[in-house]
Amino acid sequence: MSLMRFSPAGRLHDMRAENWQWWHLLQATAWTPGDWMDVDTTFASCAYAGSRASAGESSAHGSIGWVALTRDDDHLTLEWVAVSCSSNPFAEVTLDATTVTATSTLGRIWAFPRNAPQHVKITEDPAYPWAS
């Protein structure tokens, strides 16, 4: 899925009217090692109640950011991973009973529901202060 920014008709240049929506791009039925992304830098990690949230960047892919939720077990079993679509690494991450919260290097704060990361909300965006 890709998070896209939209403006209603007639208000194309009014950034206060923008909203974010998910576009379904593809759905994998299999994931082969050739499809994996390098996650070569981890900037932050936080454990809570048997889970671990991690965040960082993939410099090999244009410095894009990633956030992952894993089980805090010997294998760090992956629950889900979210990848930004542009150069915007995630520098901080926190985890509680309901939410993985990641802050990008641009200062955007993303709140991912632990059990439904596709319902992510951008709760703060310094580039667009009215988005909060």
Protein backbone atom coordinates (compact mmCIF):
# COMPACT_ATOMS: atom_id res chain seq x y z
CA MET A 1 0.00 0.00 0.00
CA SER A 2 1.13 3.54 -0.64
CA LEU A 3 0.13 6.53 1.48
CA MET A 4 -0.93 9.31 -0.92
CA ARG A 5 -1.73 12.97 -0.25
CA PHE A 6 -4.96 14.25 -1.85
CA SER A 7 -6.73 17.62 -2.15
CA PRO A 8 -10.44 18.02 -2.90
CA ALA A 9 -11.49 19.46 -6.28
CA GLY A 10 -11.32 23.25 -6.39
CA ARG A 11 -8.86 23.39 -3.47
CA LEU A 12 -5.72 22.02 -5.14
CA HIS A 13 -3.44 24.69 -3.65
CA ASP A 14 -5.04 24.81 -0.19
CA MET A 15 -2.75 22.55 1.86
CA ARG A 16 -5.16 22.75 4.81
CA ALA A 17 -7.65 20.77 2.73
CA GLU A 18 -5.25 17.89 2.11
CA ASN A 19 -5.87 14.44 3.47
CA TRP A 20 -3.99 11.18 3.32
CA GLN A 21 -5.36 7.97 1.85
CA TRP A 22 -3.97 4.49 1.26
CA TRP A 23 -3.68 3.18 -2.29
CA HIS A 24 -3.48 -0.57 -2.64
CA LEU A 25 -0.54 -1.24 -4.97
CA LEU A 26 0.05 -4.96 -4.67
CA GLN A 27 -0.41 -7.89 -2.39
CA ALA A 28 2.25 -10.56 -2.05
CA THR A 29 1.41 -14.23 -1.99
CA ALA A 30 5.08 -15.08 -1.61
CA TRP A 31 8.17 -13.17 -0.60
CA THR A 32 11.47 -14.39 -1.99
CA PRO A 33 14.90 -13.26 -0.77
CA GLY A 34 15.38 -11.30 -4.02
CA ASP A 35 12.40 -9.11 -3.06
CA TRP A 36 13.84 -8.05 0.28
CA MET A 37 15.01 -4.54 1.04
CA ASP A 38 18.33 -3.84 2.73
CA VAL A 39 17.71 -2.38 6.18
CA ASP A 40 21.31 -1.47 6.74
CA THR A 41 20.91 1.08 9.52
CA THR A 42 18.85 0.84 12.69
CA PHE A 43 18.55 4.20 14.45
CA ALA A 44 16.18 3.23 17.26
CA SER A 45 14.65 0.24 19.00
CA CYS A 46 12.15 -0.12 21.84
CA ALA A 47 10.83 -3.24 23.61
CA TYR A 48 7.46 -3.61 25.35
CA ALA A 49 5.58 -6.70 26.61
CA GLY A 50 7.23 -9.28 24.35
CA SER A 51 7.41 -7.10 21.24
CA ARG A 52 10.10 -4.88 19.76
CA ALA A 53 9.73 -1.86 17.47
CA SER A 54 12.74 -0.86 15.38
CA ALA A 55 13.30 2.00 12.95
CA GLY A 56 16.00 3.22 10.62
CA GLU A 57 16.93 3.71 7.00
CA SER A 58 17.93 1.83 3.90
CA SER A 59 20.72 3.91 2.42
CA ALA A 60 21.13 1.44 -0.46
CA HIS A 61 17.58 2.35 -1.59
CA GLY A 62 17.77 6.15 -1.55
CA SER A 63 17.85 6.66 2.21
CA ILE A 64 14.24 5.60 2.65
CA GLY A 65 12.89 4.99 6.12
CA TRP A 66 11.51 1.80 7.63
CA VAL A 67 9.67 0.83 10.80
CA ALA A 68 9.17 -2.77 11.93
CA LEU A 69 7.34 -4.58 14.70
CA THR A 70 8.83 -7.93 15.72
CA ARG A 71 8.39 -10.37 18.53
CA ASP A 72 11.11 -9.87 21.11
CA ASP A 73 12.19 -13.51 20.80
CA ASP A 74 15.46 -15.16 19.78
CA HIS A 75 14.58 -14.79 16.09
CA LEU A 76 12.95 -11.31 16.21
CA THR A 77 10.04 -12.81 14.27
CA LEU A 78 8.61 -10.15 11.95
CA GLU A 79 5.01 -9.04 12.57
CA TRP A 80 5.02 -6.22 9.99
CA VAL A 81 7.26 -3.65 8.32
CA ALA A 82 6.39 -0.22 6.87
CA VAL A 83 8.63 1.54 4.36
CA SER A 84 8.51 5.22 3.44
CA CYS A 85 8.36 6.06 -0.25
CA SER A 86 10.95 8.83 -0.21
CA SER A 87 14.12 9.95 1.54
CA ASN A 88 12.74 10.19 5.04
CA PRO A 89 14.47 7.80 7.48
CA PHE A 90 12.95 7.15 10.88
CA ALA A 91 15.19 8.34 13.72
CA GLU A 92 13.08 7.51 16.80
CA VAL A 93 10.57 4.84 17.74
CA THR A 94 8.44 4.07 20.82
CA LEU A 95 6.11 1.21 21.56
CA ASP A 96 3.22 0.75 24.00
CA ALA A 97 0.27 -1.62 24.33
CA THR A 98 -1.57 -0.22 21.29
CA THR A 99 0.76 1.88 19.12
CA VAL A 100 4.16 2.00 17.43
CA THR A 101 5.12 5.66 17.15
CA ALA A 102 7.94 6.59 14.79
CA THR A 103 9.47 10.02 14.19
CA SER A 104 11.18 10.70 10.89
CA THR A 105 14.28 12.81 10.42
CA LEU A 106 11.96 15.48 8.93
CA GLY A 107 10.04 15.56 12.22
CA ARG A 108 6.90 13.80 10.99
CA ILE A 109 5.31 11.64 13.68
CA TRP A 110 3.67 8.46 12.44
CA ALA A 111 1.35 6.50 14.77
CA PHE A 112 0.92 2.86 13.65
CA PRO A 113 -1.74 0.80 15.46
CA ARG A 114 0.11 -2.38 16.47
CA ASN A 115 -2.52 -4.74 15.08
CA ALA A 116 -3.48 -2.67 12.00
CA PRO A 117 -0.44 -0.74 10.71
CA GLN A 118 -2.31 0.14 7.51
CA HIS A 119 -4.36 2.57 9.63
CA VAL A 120 -1.31 4.74 10.32
CA LYS A 121 -1.91 8.40 11.12
CA ILE A 122 0.57 11.23 10.68
CA THR A 123 -0.03 13.06 13.94
CA GLU A 124 2.44 15.88 13.39
CA ASP A 125 4.10 17.31 10.31
CA PRO A 126 6.36 20.36 10.75
CA ALA A 127 6.17 21.07 7.01
CA TYR A 128 2.38 21.35 7.36
CA PRO A 129 1.60 22.51 10.94
CA TRP A 130 -2.18 22.34 10.39
CA ALA A 131 -1.89 18.59 9.73
CA SER A 132 -1.61 17.93 13.47
